[in-house]
Each structure stands twice: as C-alpha cells, then as structure tokens.
Amino acid sequence: MIRALIIILCLWQTMAIAQPIQIQKINPPLWWVGMEHSDLELMVYGANISNAKVSVNYPGVLLSGVTQVENPNYLFVNLRIDNSVAQPGLVPILFTNGQNQLTVQYQLEAKGQDPIQYK
C-alpha cells in the first residue's frame, strides 16, 4: 500500500513539473534603455512558473538572479541593463521546465527626452 502511494506521488509530481509553461503576465510590461538605475525586477505570473529555469541572451542585458516565493505561480526575474551596450528591441527571455520551453519577447524601448516622465 505504501509502495503504491509513493509511486502515485512520484508520478503526480512528474506530471506537475512536465506541464506546458504558460505566462499570463509580466510586470512591468516594458522598460527603457538609458534609465538612471540599471537593475530591473520583473514579476512573472503563470501557473506553476516557479519551477521554471530562466535564461536571457541579449547584448547588454544580464540575468542577475531569479527569486522564487511561496506562491508557485510567481517568479521574480532580476535583470541588469548595461546602458552603454543595450539597444531598444525585443529581449528573448527563455523559460524552461523539463522538456517544455517558452520564449517571451520583453520590450526594451528608447528613453524619451523628457527626464521628468522617466525618472
């Protein structure tokens, strides 16, 4: 009986990990190159997203950390933007969970000329 329960629990955990990655929201939805502070924290919301591994491959944008919280539907992704290198465009953020992958194109825009609006 206990052996069967252990097998069922292992299969259930494997099924939970193998679910397709779905992201419902990322906040802030975009950012600007040239901001005074180079660190940016993204709040990612999606079903069981906390199990995902994260990677970024974009010139001037470095993944500086990923923070999991108690709620498995949230993940915090920390980026460092090198304003001397990074250019406006779409930053591919890759989320991987086992065999499942999802790439989200995160928008970096050029900072406008009005310093009051963007500080």
N, C-alpha and C. Protein backbone atom coordinates (compact mmCIF):
# COMPACT_ATOMS: atom_id res chain seq x y z
N MET A 1 0.82 -1.20 0.00
CA MET A 1 0.00 0.00 0.00
C MET A 1 0.87 1.27 0.00
N ILE A 2 1.85 1.29 0.90
CA ILE A 2 2.73 2.46 0.97
C ILE A 2 3.53 2.60 -0.32
N ARG A 3 3.97 1.47 -0.86
CA ARG A 3 4.72 1.49 -2.11
C ARG A 3 3.89 2.10 -3.25
N ALA A 4 2.65 1.73 -3.34
CA ALA A 4 1.75 2.26 -4.37
C ALA A 4 1.54 3.76 -4.17
N LEU A 5 1.42 4.18 -2.93
CA LEU A 5 1.24 5.60 -2.63
C LEU A 5 2.47 6.40 -3.05
N ILE A 6 3.66 5.87 -2.79
CA ILE A 6 4.89 6.55 -3.18
C ILE A 6 4.97 6.66 -4.70
N ILE A 7 4.63 5.62 -5.41
CA ILE A 7 4.64 5.64 -6.88
C ILE A 7 3.65 6.68 -7.41
N ILE A 8 2.46 6.73 -6.84
CA ILE A 8 1.46 7.71 -7.27
C ILE A 8 1.95 9.13 -7.01
N LEU A 9 2.55 9.37 -5.85
CA LEU A 9 3.06 10.71 -5.55
C LEU A 9 4.18 11.10 -6.50
N CYS A 10 5.07 10.18 -6.84
CA CYS A 10 6.15 10.48 -7.78
C CYS A 10 5.59 10.80 -9.17
N LEU A 11 4.62 10.04 -9.62
CA LEU A 11 4.00 10.30 -10.92
C LEU A 11 3.27 11.63 -10.92
N TRP A 12 2.58 11.96 -9.85
CA TRP A 12 1.86 13.23 -9.75
C TRP A 12 2.84 14.40 -9.81
N GLN A 13 3.97 14.28 -9.09
CA GLN A 13 4.96 15.35 -9.11
C GLN A 13 5.57 15.50 -10.50
N THR A 14 5.84 14.40 -11.17
CA THR A 14 6.38 14.44 -12.53
C THR A 14 5.40 15.11 -13.48
N MET A 15 4.12 14.82 -13.34
CA MET A 15 3.12 15.44 -14.20
C MET A 15 3.04 16.94 -13.94
N ALA A 16 3.15 17.36 -12.70
CA ALA A 16 3.10 18.79 -12.37
C ALA A 16 4.29 19.53 -12.97
N ILE A 17 5.46 18.90 -12.93
CA ILE A 17 6.65 19.54 -13.48
C ILE A 17 6.60 19.58 -15.00
N ALA A 18 6.01 18.59 -15.63
CA ALA A 18 6.01 18.47 -17.09
C ALA A 18 4.92 19.30 -17.77
N GLN A 19 4.14 20.05 -17.04
CA GLN A 19 3.08 20.85 -17.65
C GLN A 19 3.67 21.92 -18.55
N PRO A 20 2.99 22.25 -19.64
CA PRO A 20 3.47 23.33 -20.51
C PRO A 20 3.57 24.64 -19.74
N ILE A 21 4.53 25.44 -20.13
CA ILE A 21 4.73 26.73 -19.47
C ILE A 21 3.74 27.74 -20.05
N GLN A 22 3.02 28.40 -19.17
CA GLN A 22 2.09 29.45 -19.58
C GLN A 22 2.33 30.67 -18.70
N ILE A 23 2.56 31.80 -19.33
CA ILE A 23 2.76 33.04 -18.59
C ILE A 23 1.59 33.96 -18.91
N GLN A 24 0.88 34.38 -17.87
CA GLN A 24 -0.26 35.26 -18.06
C GLN A 24 0.13 36.74 -18.01
N LYS A 25 1.19 37.07 -17.23
CA LYS A 25 1.51 38.48 -17.06
C LYS A 25 2.95 38.66 -16.64
N ILE A 26 3.56 39.74 -17.13
CA ILE A 26 4.87 40.20 -16.68
C ILE A 26 4.75 41.68 -16.36
N ASN A 27 5.20 42.05 -15.16
CA ASN A 27 5.20 43.46 -14.75
C ASN A 27 6.59 43.89 -14.37
N PRO A 28 7.03 45.05 -14.78
CA PRO A 28 6.38 45.95 -15.71
C PRO A 28 6.37 45.34 -17.12
N PRO A 29 5.40 45.72 -17.94
CA PRO A 29 5.26 45.11 -19.27
C PRO A 29 6.35 45.53 -20.26
N LEU A 30 7.07 46.61 -19.98
CA LEU A 30 8.19 47.04 -20.83
C LEU A 30 9.10 47.91 -20.00
N TRP A 31 10.31 48.20 -20.54
CA TRP A 31 11.26 49.05 -19.83
C TRP A 31 12.02 49.87 -20.85
N TRP A 32 12.83 50.82 -20.37
CA TRP A 32 13.54 51.74 -21.25
C TRP A 32 15.05 51.61 -21.08
N VAL A 33 15.77 51.65 -22.17
CA VAL A 33 17.22 51.71 -22.16
C VAL A 33 17.59 53.15 -21.79
N GLY A 34 18.57 53.32 -20.90
CA GLY A 34 19.02 54.65 -20.52
C GLY A 34 18.46 55.15 -19.21
N MET A 35 17.79 54.29 -18.46
CA MET A 35 17.26 54.70 -17.16
C MET A 35 18.41 54.91 -16.18
N GLU A 36 18.17 55.72 -15.15
CA GLU A 36 19.20 56.06 -14.16
C GLU A 36 19.71 54.81 -13.43
N HIS A 37 18.81 53.91 -13.07
CA HIS A 37 19.19 52.68 -12.37
C HIS A 37 19.21 51.53 -13.37
N SER A 38 20.24 50.70 -13.29
CA SER A 38 20.40 49.64 -14.29
C SER A 38 19.72 48.34 -13.89
N ASP A 39 19.28 48.21 -12.63
CA ASP A 39 18.65 46.97 -12.18
C ASP A 39 17.14 47.02 -12.40
N LEU A 40 16.62 45.92 -12.91
CA LEU A 40 15.19 45.80 -13.20
C LEU A 40 14.70 44.47 -12.66
N GLU A 41 13.59 44.49 -11.92
CA GLU A 41 12.99 43.26 -11.43
C GLU A 41 11.65 43.06 -12.12
N LEU A 42 11.50 41.90 -12.75
CA LEU A 42 10.25 41.54 -13.43
C LEU A 42 9.47 40.58 -12.55
N MET A 43 8.19 40.84 -12.37
CA MET A 43 7.31 39.91 -11.68
C MET A 43 6.59 39.10 -12.75
N VAL A 44 6.84 37.80 -12.75
CA VAL A 44 6.25 36.91 -13.76
C VAL A 44 5.15 36.10 -13.09
N TYR A 45 3.97 36.07 -13.72
CA TYR A 45 2.84 35.33 -13.19
C TYR A 45 2.39 34.29 -14.20
N GLY A 46 2.27 33.05 -13.73
CA GLY A 46 1.78 31.96 -14.57
C GLY A 46 1.66 30.70 -13.73
N ALA A 47 0.84 29.76 -14.17
CA ALA A 47 0.62 28.53 -13.41
C ALA A 47 1.92 27.78 -13.20
N ASN A 48 2.29 27.58 -11.95
CA ASN A 48 3.49 26.84 -11.55
C ASN A 48 4.77 27.34 -12.23
N ILE A 49 4.87 28.63 -12.45
CA ILE A 49 6.03 29.21 -13.12
C ILE A 49 7.28 29.14 -12.25
N SER A 50 7.12 28.99 -10.95
CA SER A 50 8.29 28.99 -10.06
C SER A 50 9.22 27.80 -10.31
N ASN A 51 8.74 26.76 -10.99
CA ASN A 51 9.57 25.61 -11.31
C ASN A 51 10.48 25.85 -12.51
N ALA A 52 10.27 26.93 -13.24
CA ALA A 52 10.99 27.17 -14.49
C ALA A 52 12.40 27.69 -14.24
N LYS A 53 13.31 27.29 -15.12
CA LYS A 53 14.65 27.86 -15.18
C LYS A 53 14.58 29.02 -16.18
N VAL A 54 15.36 30.07 -15.96
CA VAL A 54 15.27 31.28 -16.78
C VAL A 54 16.64 31.57 -17.38
N SER A 55 16.65 32.01 -18.64
CA SER A 55 17.89 32.47 -19.27
C SER A 55 17.57 33.63 -20.20
N VAL A 56 18.58 34.47 -20.40
CA VAL A 56 18.45 35.65 -21.26
C VAL A 56 19.68 35.71 -22.15
N ASN A 57 19.46 35.99 -23.44
CA ASN A 57 20.56 36.14 -24.38
C ASN A 57 20.30 37.39 -25.22
N TYR A 58 20.82 38.54 -24.74
CA TYR A 58 20.62 39.81 -25.44
C TYR A 58 21.79 40.72 -25.05
N PRO A 59 22.45 41.34 -26.03
CA PRO A 59 23.59 42.20 -25.71
C PRO A 59 23.22 43.32 -24.74
N GLY A 60 23.97 43.41 -23.66
CA GLY A 60 23.75 44.47 -22.68
C GLY A 60 22.72 44.16 -21.62
N VAL A 61 22.10 42.97 -21.67
CA VAL A 61 21.12 42.57 -20.66
C VAL A 61 21.62 41.28 -20.01
N LEU A 62 21.81 41.35 -18.69
CA LEU A 62 22.34 40.23 -17.92
C LEU A 62 21.29 39.74 -16.93
N LEU A 63 21.10 38.44 -16.86
CA LEU A 63 20.24 37.86 -15.84
C LEU A 63 21.04 37.85 -14.54
N SER A 64 20.64 38.67 -13.57
CA SER A 64 21.40 38.78 -12.33
C SER A 64 20.82 37.93 -11.21
N GLY A 65 19.65 37.35 -11.42
CA GLY A 65 19.09 36.47 -10.39
C GLY A 65 17.64 36.14 -10.65
N VAL A 66 17.20 35.06 -10.02
CA VAL A 66 15.81 34.62 -10.08
C VAL A 66 15.39 34.30 -8.65
N THR A 67 14.25 34.83 -8.24
CA THR A 67 13.77 34.62 -6.88
C THR A 67 12.43 33.90 -6.90
N GLN A 68 12.39 32.77 -6.19
CA GLN A 68 11.13 32.05 -6.01
C GLN A 68 10.50 32.50 -4.70
N VAL A 69 9.18 32.50 -4.67
CA VAL A 69 8.45 32.84 -3.45
C VAL A 69 7.54 31.67 -3.08
N GLU A 70 6.83 31.77 -1.99
CA GLU A 70 5.97 30.68 -1.53
C GLU A 70 4.90 30.31 -2.55
N ASN A 71 4.35 31.30 -3.23
CA ASN A 71 3.30 31.05 -4.21
C ASN A 71 3.95 30.51 -5.50
N PRO A 72 3.62 29.28 -5.93
CA PRO A 72 4.27 28.69 -7.11
C PRO A 72 3.90 29.37 -8.43
N ASN A 73 2.96 30.29 -8.40
CA ASN A 73 2.53 30.96 -9.62
C ASN A 73 3.26 32.27 -9.88
N TYR A 74 4.25 32.61 -9.04
CA TYR A 74 5.02 33.84 -9.20
C TYR A 74 6.51 33.51 -9.24
N LEU A 75 7.22 34.29 -10.04
CA LEU A 75 8.67 34.20 -10.13
C LEU A 75 9.18 35.60 -10.38
N PHE A 76 10.24 35.99 -9.69
CA PHE A 76 10.83 37.31 -9.87
C PHE A 76 12.15 37.16 -10.62
N VAL A 77 12.25 37.84 -11.75
CA VAL A 77 13.43 37.76 -12.61
C VAL A 77 14.16 39.10 -12.52
N ASN A 78 15.42 39.05 -12.13
CA ASN A 78 16.22 40.26 -11.96
C ASN A 78 17.18 40.41 -13.14
N LEU A 79 17.08 41.55 -13.79
CA LEU A 79 17.93 41.86 -14.94
C LEU A 79 18.79 43.07 -14.63
N ARG A 80 19.97 43.10 -15.22
CA ARG A 80 20.83 44.29 -15.16
C ARG A 80 21.02 44.75 -16.60
N ILE A 81 20.68 46.01 -16.85
CA ILE A 81 20.74 46.57 -18.20
C ILE A 81 21.94 47.51 -18.28
N ASP A 82 22.87 47.16 -19.15
CA ASP A 82 24.06 47.99 -19.38
C ASP A 82 23.69 49.03 -20.42
N ASN A 83 23.47 50.26 -19.98
CA ASN A 83 23.00 51.31 -20.87
C ASN A 83 24.01 51.68 -21.96
N SER A 84 25.28 51.32 -21.78
CA SER A 84 26.28 51.62 -22.81
C SER A 84 26.27 50.58 -23.92
N VAL A 85 25.61 49.42 -23.69
CA VAL A 85 25.60 48.34 -24.67
C VAL A 85 24.19 48.04 -25.17
N ALA A 86 23.23 47.95 -24.26
CA ALA A 86 21.86 47.53 -24.62
C ALA A 86 21.22 48.52 -25.57
N GLN A 87 20.49 47.98 -26.53
CA GLN A 87 19.77 48.77 -27.51
C GLN A 87 18.27 48.47 -27.39
N PRO A 88 17.42 49.42 -27.78
CA PRO A 88 15.98 49.12 -27.80
C PRO A 88 15.71 47.92 -28.70
N GLY A 89 14.75 47.12 -28.30
CA GLY A 89 14.38 45.94 -29.08
C GLY A 89 13.67 44.93 -28.21
N LEU A 90 13.55 43.72 -28.72
CA LEU A 90 12.88 42.64 -28.01
C LEU A 90 13.92 41.73 -27.37
N VAL A 91 13.86 41.60 -26.06
CA VAL A 91 14.79 40.76 -25.30
C VAL A 91 14.14 39.38 -25.13
N PRO A 92 14.74 38.33 -25.70
CA PRO A 92 14.16 36.99 -25.52
C PRO A 92 14.49 36.44 -24.13
N ILE A 93 13.45 36.16 -23.35
CA ILE A 93 13.61 35.55 -22.04
C ILE A 93 13.08 34.12 -22.17
N LEU A 94 13.98 33.16 -21.95
CA LEU A 94 13.64 31.74 -22.12
C LEU A 94 13.30 31.13 -20.77
N PHE A 95 12.12 30.53 -20.69
CA PHE A 95 11.67 29.80 -19.51
C PHE A 95 11.67 28.32 -19.88
N THR A 96 12.34 27.50 -19.07
CA THR A 96 12.46 26.07 -19.35
C THR A 96 12.02 25.29 -18.13
N ASN A 97 11.19 24.27 -18.38
CA ASN A 97 10.72 23.37 -17.33
C ASN A 97 10.75 21.97 -17.91
N GLY A 98 11.82 21.23 -17.63
CA GLY A 98 11.98 19.91 -18.22
C GLY A 98 12.11 20.03 -19.72
N GLN A 99 11.25 19.35 -20.46
CA GLN A 99 11.25 19.39 -21.92
C GLN A 99 10.51 20.61 -22.48
N ASN A 100 9.76 21.29 -21.63
CA ASN A 100 8.94 22.42 -22.07
C ASN A 100 9.74 23.72 -22.04
N GLN A 101 9.57 24.50 -23.10
CA GLN A 101 10.22 25.80 -23.19
C GLN A 101 9.22 26.84 -23.69
N LEU A 102 9.42 28.07 -23.23
CA LEU A 102 8.63 29.20 -23.70
C LEU A 102 9.55 30.41 -23.74
N THR A 103 9.59 31.08 -24.88
CA THR A 103 10.36 32.31 -25.00
C THR A 103 9.40 33.48 -25.04
N VAL A 104 9.63 34.43 -24.13
CA VAL A 104 8.84 35.66 -24.07
C VAL A 104 9.71 36.78 -24.61
N GLN A 105 9.18 37.58 -25.51
CA GLN A 105 9.91 38.73 -26.06
C GLN A 105 9.58 39.95 -25.21
N TYR A 106 10.54 40.37 -24.39
CA TYR A 106 10.33 41.50 -23.48
C TYR A 106 10.80 42.79 -24.16
N GLN A 107 9.95 43.80 -24.17
CA GLN A 107 10.21 45.04 -24.91
C GLN A 107 11.10 46.00 -24.13
N LEU A 108 12.23 46.40 -24.77
CA LEU A 108 13.06 47.49 -24.28
C LEU A 108 12.88 48.64 -25.26
N GLU A 109 12.52 49.79 -24.75
CA GLU A 109 12.30 50.95 -25.61
C GLU A 109 13.36 52.00 -25.35
N ALA A 110 13.48 52.93 -26.29
CA ALA A 110 14.40 54.05 -26.13
C ALA A 110 13.79 55.05 -25.15
N LYS A 111 14.62 55.55 -24.25
CA LYS A 111 14.16 56.54 -23.29
C LYS A 111 13.90 57.85 -24.03
N GLY A 112 12.77 58.49 -23.70
CA GLY A 112 12.41 59.76 -24.33
C GLY A 112 13.25 60.90 -23.82
N GLN A 113 13.00 62.06 -24.32
CA GLN A 113 13.77 63.23 -23.96
C GLN A 113 13.28 63.93 -22.70
N ASP A 114 12.09 63.62 -22.22
CA ASP A 114 11.52 64.27 -21.05
C ASP A 114 11.99 63.55 -19.78
N PRO A 115 13.01 64.09 -19.05
CA PRO A 115 13.55 63.39 -17.90
C PRO A 115 12.57 63.26 -16.74
N ILE A 116 11.59 64.13 -16.63
CA ILE A 116 10.61 64.05 -15.55
C ILE A 116 9.72 62.82 -15.74
N GLN A 117 9.38 62.52 -16.98
CA GLN A 117 8.50 61.41 -17.28
C GLN A 117 9.12 60.05 -16.93
N TYR A 118 10.43 59.91 -17.03
CA TYR A 118 11.06 58.60 -16.92
C TYR A 118 11.92 58.38 -15.69
N LYS A 119 12.06 59.34 -14.83
CA LYS A 119 12.90 59.14 -13.63
C LYS A 119 12.17 58.29 -12.67
